[in-house]
Amino acid sequence: MSQSYEELSDEQLDMQDDLEMLRDILAYELQAINQYEEHLLYLENGAAASAVQHIIEQEKEHVAELLKLIQTLDPVQAEKLKGIL
């Protein structure tokens, strides 16, 4: 059974806030990947396309880092991801 916000300590509330921010950042990273891949479809210059592809790869690394961090900070989320990742 989960605790209500009134029952959480300041430290637990801070952790919840951090996790919320990390999940927001994760969503932004995923949106960025989608946008970059959409733009990549229309780039005609090879150097530009290569640069954007490199940026996409960096964004994917960010996603992996964020997922790892979220798993570290949220044991329930870690358990949910265990069977998937």
PDB file of N, CA and C in Angstrom:
ATOM      1  N   MET A   1       0.841  -1.176   0.000  1.00  0.00           N
ATOM      2  CA  MET A   1       0.000   0.000   0.000  1.00  0.00           C
ATOM      3  C   MET A   1       0.887   1.241   0.000  1.00  0.00           C
ATOM      4  N   SER A   2       0.640   2.178  -0.873  1.00  0.00           N
ATOM      5  CA  SER A   2       1.463   3.368  -0.939  1.00  0.00           C
ATOM      6  C   SER A   2       1.014   4.381   0.106  1.00  0.00           C
ATOM      7  N   GLN A   3       1.945   5.242   0.445  1.00  0.00           N
ATOM      8  CA  GLN A   3       1.665   6.252   1.443  1.00  0.00           C
ATOM      9  C   GLN A   3       1.030   7.471   0.791  1.00  0.00           C
ATOM     10  N   SER A   4       0.230   8.201   1.567  1.00  0.00           N
ATOM     11  CA  SER A   4      -0.296   9.461   1.068  1.00  0.00           C
ATOM     12  C   SER A   4       0.803  10.508   1.203  1.00  0.00           C
ATOM     13  N   TYR A   5       0.646  11.634   0.519  1.00  0.00           N
ATOM     14  CA  TYR A   5       1.660  12.678   0.595  1.00  0.00           C
ATOM     15  C   TYR A   5       1.813  13.211   2.016  1.00  0.00           C
ATOM     16  N   GLU A   6       0.732  13.185   2.791  1.00  0.00           N
ATOM     17  CA  GLU A   6       0.803  13.658   4.169  1.00  0.00           C
ATOM     18  C   GLU A   6       1.691  12.757   5.031  1.00  0.00           C
ATOM     19  N   GLU A   7       1.830  11.499   4.652  1.00  0.00           N
ATOM     20  CA  GLU A   7       2.604  10.538   5.431  1.00  0.00           C
ATOM     21  C   GLU A   7       4.075  10.473   5.032  1.00  0.00           C
ATOM     22  N   LEU A   8       4.449  11.143   3.964  1.00  0.00           N
ATOM     23  CA  LEU A   8       5.817  11.079   3.481  1.00  0.00           C
ATOM     24  C   LEU A   8       6.709  12.076   4.212  1.00  0.00           C
ATOM     25  N   SER A   9       7.944  11.681   4.457  1.00  0.00           N
ATOM     26  CA  SER A   9       8.916  12.579   5.070  1.00  0.00           C
ATOM     27  C   SER A   9       9.366  13.609   4.033  1.00  0.00           C
ATOM     28  N   ASP A  10      10.042  14.633   4.512  1.00  0.00           N
ATOM     29  CA  ASP A  10      10.578  15.641   3.594  1.00  0.00           C
ATOM     30  C   ASP A  10      11.522  15.005   2.579  1.00  0.00           C
ATOM     31  N   GLU A  11      12.331  14.061   3.034  1.00  0.00           N
ATOM     32  CA  GLU A  11      13.265  13.376   2.141  1.00  0.00           C
ATOM     33  C   GLU A  11      12.516  12.578   1.072  1.00  0.00           C
ATOM     34  N   GLN A  12      11.448  11.900   1.470  1.00  0.00           N
ATOM     35  CA  GLN A  12      10.661  11.126   0.505  1.00  0.00           C
ATOM     36  C   GLN A  12       9.961  12.054  -0.486  1.00  0.00           C
ATOM     37  N   LEU A  13       9.476  13.195  -0.002  1.00  0.00           N
ATOM     38  CA  LEU A  13       8.840  14.161  -0.901  1.00  0.00           C
ATOM     39  C   LEU A  13       9.851  14.717  -1.892  1.00  0.00           C
ATOM     40  N   ASP A  14      11.066  15.001  -1.402  1.00  0.00           N
ATOM     41  CA  ASP A  14      12.118  15.479  -2.300  1.00  0.00           C
ATOM     42  C   ASP A  14      12.420  14.432  -3.372  1.00  0.00           C
ATOM     43  N   MET A  15      12.454  13.163  -2.972  1.00  0.00           N
ATOM     44  CA  MET A  15      12.716  12.081  -3.922  1.00  0.00           C
ATOM     45  C   MET A  15      11.597  12.008  -4.960  1.00  0.00           C
ATOM     46  N   GLN A  16      10.350  12.147  -4.510  1.00  0.00           N
ATOM     47  CA  GLN A  16       9.226  12.138  -5.441  1.00  0.00           C
ATOM     48  C   GLN A  16       9.339  13.290  -6.439  1.00  0.00           C
ATOM     49  N   ASP A  17       9.724  14.456  -5.938  1.00  0.00           N
ATOM     50  CA  ASP A  17       9.907  15.611  -6.822  1.00  0.00           C
ATOM     51  C   ASP A  17      11.024  15.354  -7.829  1.00  0.00           C
ATOM     52  N   ASP A  18      12.128  14.795  -7.346  1.00  0.00           N
ATOM     53  CA  ASP A  18      13.243  14.486  -8.245  1.00  0.00           C
ATOM     54  C   ASP A  18      12.817  13.490  -9.315  1.00  0.00           C
ATOM     55  N   LEU A  19      12.105  12.442  -8.913  1.00  0.00           N
ATOM     56  CA  LEU A  19      11.650  11.441  -9.879  1.00  0.00           C
ATOM     57  C   LEU A  19      10.700  12.047 -10.899  1.00  0.00           C
ATOM     58  N   GLU A  20       9.831  12.940 -10.458  1.00  0.00           N
ATOM     59  CA  GLU A  20       8.912  13.594 -11.392  1.00  0.00           C
ATOM     60  C   GLU A  20       9.692  14.411 -12.421  1.00  0.00           C
ATOM     61  N   MET A  21      10.694  15.144 -11.949  1.00  0.00           N
ATOM     62  CA  MET A  21      11.511  15.930 -12.877  1.00  0.00           C
ATOM     63  C   MET A  21      12.281  15.033 -13.839  1.00  0.00           C
ATOM     64  N   LEU A  22      12.846  13.950 -13.324  1.00  0.00           N
ATOM     65  CA  LEU A  22      13.585  13.023 -14.188  1.00  0.00           C
ATOM     66  C   LEU A  22      12.681  12.406 -15.246  1.00  0.00           C
ATOM     67  N   ARG A  23      11.466  12.077 -14.864  1.00  0.00           N
ATOM     68  CA  ARG A  23      10.524  11.506 -15.843  1.00  0.00           C
ATOM     69  C   ARG A  23      10.123  12.542 -16.881  1.00  0.00           C
ATOM     70  N   ASP A  24       9.976  13.797 -16.462  1.00  0.00           N
ATOM     71  CA  ASP A  24       9.702  14.865 -17.422  1.00  0.00           C
ATOM     72  C   ASP A  24      10.862  15.009 -18.401  1.00  0.00           C
ATOM     73  N   ILE A  25      12.086  14.989 -17.876  1.00  0.00           N
ATOM     74  CA  ILE A  25      13.267  15.102 -18.731  1.00  0.00           C
ATOM     75  C   ILE A  25      13.328  13.923 -19.698  1.00  0.00           C
ATOM     76  N   LEU A  26      13.010  12.731 -19.201  1.00  0.00           N
ATOM     77  CA  LEU A  26      12.993  11.542 -20.057  1.00  0.00           C
ATOM     78  C   LEU A  26      11.998  11.719 -21.206  1.00  0.00           C
ATOM     79  N   ALA A  27      10.827  12.232 -20.887  1.00  0.00           N
ATOM     80  CA  ALA A  27       9.817  12.460 -21.928  1.00  0.00           C
ATOM     81  C   ALA A  27      10.319  13.467 -22.960  1.00  0.00           C
ATOM     82  N   TYR A  28      10.994  14.527 -22.503  1.00  0.00           N
ATOM     83  CA  TYR A  28      11.538  15.523 -23.429  1.00  0.00           C
ATOM     84  C   TYR A  28      12.624  14.919 -24.321  1.00  0.00           C
ATOM     85  N   GLU A  29      13.444  14.068 -23.748  1.00  0.00           N
ATOM     86  CA  GLU A  29      14.492  13.415 -24.541  1.00  0.00           C
ATOM     87  C   GLU A  29      13.874  12.541 -25.629  1.00  0.00           C
ATOM     88  N   LEU A  30      12.836  11.799 -25.282  1.00  0.00           N
ATOM     89  CA  LEU A  30      12.165  10.950 -26.269  1.00  0.00           C
ATOM     90  C   LEU A  30      11.498  11.789 -27.359  1.00  0.00           C
ATOM     91  N   GLN A  31      10.902  12.897 -26.963  1.00  0.00           N
ATOM     92  CA  GLN A  31      10.302  13.799 -27.953  1.00  0.00           C
ATOM     93  C   GLN A  31      11.375  14.366 -28.878  1.00  0.00           C
ATOM     94  N   ALA A  32      12.516  14.705 -28.302  1.00  0.00           N
ATOM     95  CA  ALA A  32      13.616  15.247 -29.110  1.00  0.00           C
ATOM     96  C   ALA A  32      14.083  14.225 -30.135  1.00  0.00           C
ATOM     97  N   ILE A  33      14.216  12.975 -29.716  1.00  0.00           N
ATOM     98  CA  ILE A  33      14.618  11.925 -30.653  1.00  0.00           C
ATOM     99  C   ILE A  33      13.630  11.845 -31.811  1.00  0.00           C
ATOM    100  N   ASN A  34      12.353  11.843 -31.504  1.00  0.00           N
ATOM    101  CA  ASN A  34      11.332  11.779 -32.555  1.00  0.00           C
ATOM    102  C   ASN A  34      11.424  12.973 -33.497  1.00  0.00           C
ATOM    103  N   GLN A  35      11.631  14.163 -32.935  1.00  0.00           N
ATOM    104  CA  GLN A  35      11.723  15.359 -33.773  1.00  0.00           C
ATOM    105  C   GLN A  35      12.972  15.330 -34.648  1.00  0.00           C
ATOM    106  N   TYR A  36      14.095  14.946 -34.068  1.00  0.00           N
ATOM    107  CA  TYR A  36      15.330  14.865 -34.855  1.00  0.00           C
ATOM    108  C   TYR A  36      15.199  13.835 -35.979  1.00  0.00           C
ATOM    109  N   GLU A  37      14.594  12.707 -35.681  1.00  0.00           N
ATOM    110  CA  GLU A  37      14.429  11.682 -36.716  1.00  0.00           C
ATOM    111  C   GLU A  37      13.496  12.168 -37.824  1.00  0.00           C
ATOM    112  N   GLU A  38      12.487  12.934 -37.465  1.00  0.00           N
ATOM    113  CA  GLU A  38      11.594  13.519 -38.475  1.00  0.00           C
ATOM    114  C   GLU A  38      12.375  14.491 -39.360  1.00  0.00           C
ATOM    115  N   HIS A  39      13.180  15.341 -38.749  1.00  0.00           N
ATOM    116  CA  HIS A  39      13.985  16.300 -39.519  1.00  0.00           C
ATOM    117  C   HIS A  39      14.993  15.577 -40.407  1.00  0.00           C
ATOM    118  N   LEU A  40      15.532  14.495 -39.895  1.00  0.00           N
ATOM    119  CA  LEU A  40      16.528  13.727 -40.642  1.00  0.00           C
ATOM    120  C   LEU A  40      15.974  13.253 -41.984  1.00  0.00           C
ATOM    121  N   LEU A  41      14.695  12.961 -42.020  1.00  0.00           N
ATOM    122  CA  LEU A  41      14.065  12.499 -43.254  1.00  0.00           C
ATOM    123  C   LEU A  41      14.121  13.545 -44.365  1.00  0.00           C
ATOM    124  N   TYR A  42      14.211  14.821 -43.984  1.00  0.00           N
ATOM    125  CA  TYR A  42      14.131  15.899 -44.967  1.00  0.00           C
ATOM    126  C   TYR A  42      15.472  16.570 -45.258  1.00  0.00           C
ATOM    127  N   LEU A  43      16.504  16.191 -44.511  1.00  0.00           N
ATOM    128  CA  LEU A  43      17.813  16.801 -44.751  1.00  0.00           C
ATOM    129  C   LEU A  43      18.431  16.224 -46.022  1.00  0.00           C
ATOM    130  N   GLU A  44      18.920  17.101 -46.878  1.00  0.00           N
ATOM    131  CA  GLU A  44      19.545  16.668 -48.117  1.00  0.00           C
ATOM    132  C   GLU A  44      21.063  16.713 -48.034  1.00  0.00           C
ATOM    133  N   ASN A  45      21.588  17.551 -47.168  1.00  0.00           N
ATOM    134  CA  ASN A  45      23.026  17.684 -47.015  1.00  0.00           C
ATOM    135  C   ASN A  45      23.546  16.546 -46.150  1.00  0.00           C
ATOM    136  N   GLY A  46      24.523  15.825 -46.667  1.00  0.00           N
ATOM    137  CA  GLY A  46      25.066  14.672 -45.961  1.00  0.00           C
ATOM    138  C   GLY A  46      25.709  15.027 -44.630  1.00  0.00           C
ATOM    139  N   ALA A  47      26.438  16.144 -44.593  1.00  0.00           N
ATOM    140  CA  ALA A  47      27.084  16.559 -43.348  1.00  0.00           C
ATOM    141  C   ALA A  47      26.043  16.920 -42.296  1.00  0.00           C
ATOM    142  N   ALA A  48      24.990  17.596 -42.734  1.00  0.00           N
ATOM    143  CA  ALA A  48      23.922  17.958 -41.799  1.00  0.00           C
ATOM    144  C   ALA A  48      23.230  16.705 -41.276  1.00  0.00           C
ATOM    145  N   ALA A  49      22.953  15.774 -42.178  1.00  0.00           N
ATOM    146  CA  ALA A  49      22.298  14.531 -41.777  1.00  0.00           C
ATOM    147  C   ALA A  49      23.178  13.750 -40.800  1.00  0.00           C
ATOM    148  N   SER A  50      24.461  13.724 -41.059  1.00  0.00           N
ATOM    149  CA  SER A  50      25.397  13.026 -40.174  1.00  0.00           C
ATOM    150  C   SER A  50      25.427  13.666 -38.788  1.00  0.00           C
ATOM    151  N   ALA A  51      25.416  14.988 -38.748  1.00  0.00           N
ATOM    152  CA  ALA A  51      25.424  15.702 -37.472  1.00  0.00           C
ATOM    153  C   ALA A  51      24.153  15.412 -36.682  1.00  0.00           C
ATOM    154  N   VAL A  52      23.029  15.432 -37.364  1.00  0.00           N
ATOM    155  CA  VAL A  52      21.755  15.161 -36.692  1.00  0.00           C
ATOM    156  C   VAL A  52      21.706  13.711 -36.215  1.00  0.00           C
ATOM    157  N   GLN A  53      22.229  12.792 -37.000  1.00  0.00           N
ATOM    158  CA  GLN A  53      22.272  11.388 -36.585  1.00  0.00           C
ATOM    159  C   GLN A  53      23.119  11.230 -35.325  1.00  0.00           C
ATOM    160  N   HIS A  54      24.220  11.951 -35.267  1.00  0.00           N
ATOM    161  CA  HIS A  54      25.078  11.926 -34.075  1.00  0.00           C
ATOM    162  C   HIS A  54      24.322  12.461 -32.853  1.00  0.00           C
ATOM    163  N   ILE A  55      23.575  13.524 -33.045  1.00  0.00           N
ATOM    164  CA  ILE A  55      22.780  14.095 -31.957  1.00  0.00           C
ATOM    165  C   ILE A  55      21.720  13.099 -31.492  1.00  0.00           C
ATOM    166  N   ILE A  56      21.099  12.399 -32.424  1.00  0.00           N
ATOM    167  CA  ILE A  56      20.100  11.375 -32.070  1.00  0.00           C
ATOM    168  C   ILE A  56      20.737  10.317 -31.184  1.00  0.00           C
ATOM    169  N   GLU A  57      21.928   9.878 -31.549  1.00  0.00           N
ATOM    170  CA  GLU A  57      22.617   8.861 -30.755  1.00  0.00           C
ATOM    171  C   GLU A  57      22.922   9.382 -29.345  1.00  0.00           C
ATOM    172  N   GLN A  58      23.305  10.635 -29.247  1.00  0.00           N
ATOM    173  CA  GLN A  58      23.554  11.225 -27.927  1.00  0.00           C
ATOM    174  C   GLN A  58      22.264  11.267 -27.104  1.00  0.00           C
ATOM    175  N   GLU A  59      21.166  11.632 -27.746  1.00  0.00           N
ATOM    176  CA  GLU A  59      19.880  11.684 -27.036  1.00  0.00           C
ATOM    177  C   GLU A  59      19.486  10.288 -26.533  1.00  0.00           C
ATOM    178  N   LYS A  60      19.769   9.272 -27.328  1.00  0.00           N
ATOM    179  CA  LYS A  60      19.470   7.906 -26.899  1.00  0.00           C
ATOM    180  C   LYS A  60      20.323   7.514 -25.694  1.00  0.00           C
ATOM    181  N   GLU A  61      21.554   7.996 -25.654  1.00  0.00           N
ATOM    182  CA  GLU A  61      22.389   7.760 -24.480  1.00  0.00           C
ATOM    183  C   GLU A  61      21.791   8.446 -23.255  1.00  0.00           C
ATOM    184  N   HIS A  62      21.267   9.643 -23.455  1.00  0.00           N
ATOM    185  CA  HIS A  62      20.621  10.362 -22.353  1.00  0.00           C
ATOM    186  C   HIS A  62      19.420   9.569 -21.824  1.00  0.00           C
ATOM    187  N   VAL A  63      18.640   9.001 -22.742  1.00  0.00           N
ATOM    188  CA  VAL A  63      17.486   8.192 -22.337  1.00  0.00           C
ATOM    189  C   VAL A  63      17.953   7.022 -21.479  1.00  0.00           C
ATOM    190  N   ALA A  64      19.000   6.347 -21.917  1.00  0.00           N
ATOM    191  CA  ALA A  64      19.518   5.200 -21.163  1.00  0.00           C
ATOM    192  C   ALA A  64      20.004   5.635 -19.784  1.00  0.00           C
ATOM    193  N   GLU A  65      20.705   6.756 -19.719  1.00  0.00           N
ATOM    194  CA  GLU A  65      21.196   7.264 -18.438  1.00  0.00           C
ATOM    195  C   GLU A  65      20.047   7.608 -17.499  1.00  0.00           C
ATOM    196  N   LEU A  66      19.024   8.249 -18.037  1.00  0.00           N
ATOM    197  CA  LEU A  66      17.873   8.624 -17.214  1.00  0.00           C
ATOM    198  C   LEU A  66      17.124   7.391 -16.717  1.00  0.00           C
ATOM    199  N   LEU A  67      16.937   6.408 -17.585  1.00  0.00           N
ATOM    200  CA  LEU A  67      16.269   5.176 -17.156  1.00  0.00           C
ATOM    201  C   LEU A  67      17.044   4.486 -16.043  1.00  0.00           C
ATOM    202  N   LYS A  68      18.356   4.458 -16.187  1.00  0.00           N
ATOM    203  CA  LYS A  68      19.192   3.837 -15.159  1.00  0.00           C
ATOM    204  C   LYS A  68      19.065   4.589 -13.840  1.00  0.00           C
ATOM    205  N   LEU A  69      19.083   5.901 -13.894  1.00  0.00           N
ATOM    206  CA  LEU A  69      18.962   6.714 -12.691  1.00  0.00           C
ATOM    207  C   LEU A  69      17.587   6.529 -12.039  1.00  0.00           C
ATOM    208  N   ILE A  70      16.542   6.538 -12.837  1.00  0.00           N
ATOM    209  CA  ILE A  70      15.196   6.334 -12.304  1.00  0.00           C
ATOM    210  C   ILE A  70      15.092   4.964 -11.645  1.00  0.00           C
ATOM    211  N   GLN A  71      15.671   3.958 -12.266  1.00  0.00           N
ATOM    212  CA  GLN A  71      15.669   2.616 -11.667  1.00  0.00           C
ATOM    213  C   GLN A  71      16.386   2.620 -10.324  1.00  0.00           C
ATOM    214  N   THR A  72      17.465   3.354 -10.226  1.00  0.00           N
ATOM    215  CA  THR A  72      18.229   3.427  -8.979  1.00  0.00           C
ATOM    216  C   THR A  72      17.421   4.103  -7.873  1.00  0.00           C
ATOM    217  N   LEU A  73      16.680   5.127  -8.243  1.00  0.00           N
ATOM    218  CA  LEU A  73      15.955   5.912  -7.248  1.00  0.00           C
ATOM    219  C   LEU A  73      14.560   5.380  -6.932  1.00  0.00           C
ATOM    220  N   ASP A  74      14.002   4.546  -7.806  1.00  0.00           N
ATOM    221  CA  ASP A  74      12.640   4.046  -7.618  1.00  0.00           C
ATOM    222  C   ASP A  74      12.631   2.529  -7.746  1.00  0.00           C
ATOM    223  N   PRO A  75      12.676   1.827  -6.618  1.00  0.00           N
ATOM    224  CA  PRO A  75      12.725   0.368  -6.656  1.00  0.00           C
ATOM    225  C   PRO A  75      11.500  -0.260  -7.324  1.00  0.00           C
ATOM    226  N   VAL A  76      10.341   0.353  -7.208  1.00  0.00           N
ATOM    227  CA  VAL A  76       9.138  -0.176  -7.855  1.00  0.00           C
ATOM    228  C   VAL A  76       9.297  -0.092  -9.363  1.00  0.00           C
ATOM    229  N   GLN A  77       9.774   1.044  -9.844  1.00  0.00           N
ATOM    230  CA  GLN A  77      10.010   1.200 -11.278  1.00  0.00           C
ATOM    231  C   GLN A  77      11.073   0.231 -11.749  1.00  0.00           C
ATOM    232  N   ALA A  78      12.101   0.028 -10.948  1.00  0.00           N
ATOM    233  CA  ALA A  78      13.158  -0.913 -11.288  1.00  0.00           C
ATOM    234  C   ALA A  78      12.590  -2.309 -11.477  1.00  0.00           C
ATOM    235  N   GLU A  79      11.706  -2.699 -10.607  1.00  0.00           N
ATOM    236  CA  GLU A  79      11.090  -4.027 -10.696  1.00  0.00           C
ATOM    237  C   GLU A  79      10.248  -4.145 -11.969  1.00  0.00           C
ATOM    238  N   LYS A  80       9.527  -3.080 -12.290  1.00  0.00           N
ATOM    239  CA  LYS A  80       8.700  -3.092 -13.500  1.00  0.00           C
ATOM    240  C   LYS A  80       9.557  -3.195 -14.761  1.00  0.00           C
ATOM    241  N   LEU A  81      10.708  -2.549 -14.746  1.00  0.00           N
ATOM    242  CA  LEU A  81      11.583  -2.546 -15.914  1.00  0.00           C
ATOM    243  C   LEU A  81      12.432  -3.802 -16.018  1.00  0.00           C
ATOM    244  N   LYS A  82      12.561  -4.524 -14.897  1.00  0.00           N
ATOM    245  CA  LYS A  82      13.429  -5.704 -14.875  1.00  0.00           C
ATOM    246  C   LYS A  82      13.057  -6.710 -15.960  1.00  0.00           C
ATOM    247  N   GLY A  83      11.801  -6.975 -16.152  1.00  0.00           N
ATOM    248  CA  GLY A  83      11.373  -7.939 -17.141  1.00  0.00           C
ATOM    249  C   GLY A  83      11.369  -7.415 -18.567  1.00  0.00           C
ATOM    250  N   ILE A  84      11.511  -6.101 -18.701  1.00  0.00           N
ATOM    251  CA  ILE A  84      11.446  -5.482 -20.021  1.00  0.00           C
ATOM    252  C   ILE A  84      12.828  -5.188 -20.579  1.00  0.00           C
ATOM    253  N   LEU A  85      13.696  -4.652 -19.739  1.00  0.00           N
ATOM    254  CA  LEU A  85      15.032  -4.223 -20.205  1.00  0.00           C
ATOM    255  C   LEU A  85      16.068  -5.294 -19.996  1.00  0.00           C
TER     256      LEU A  85
END
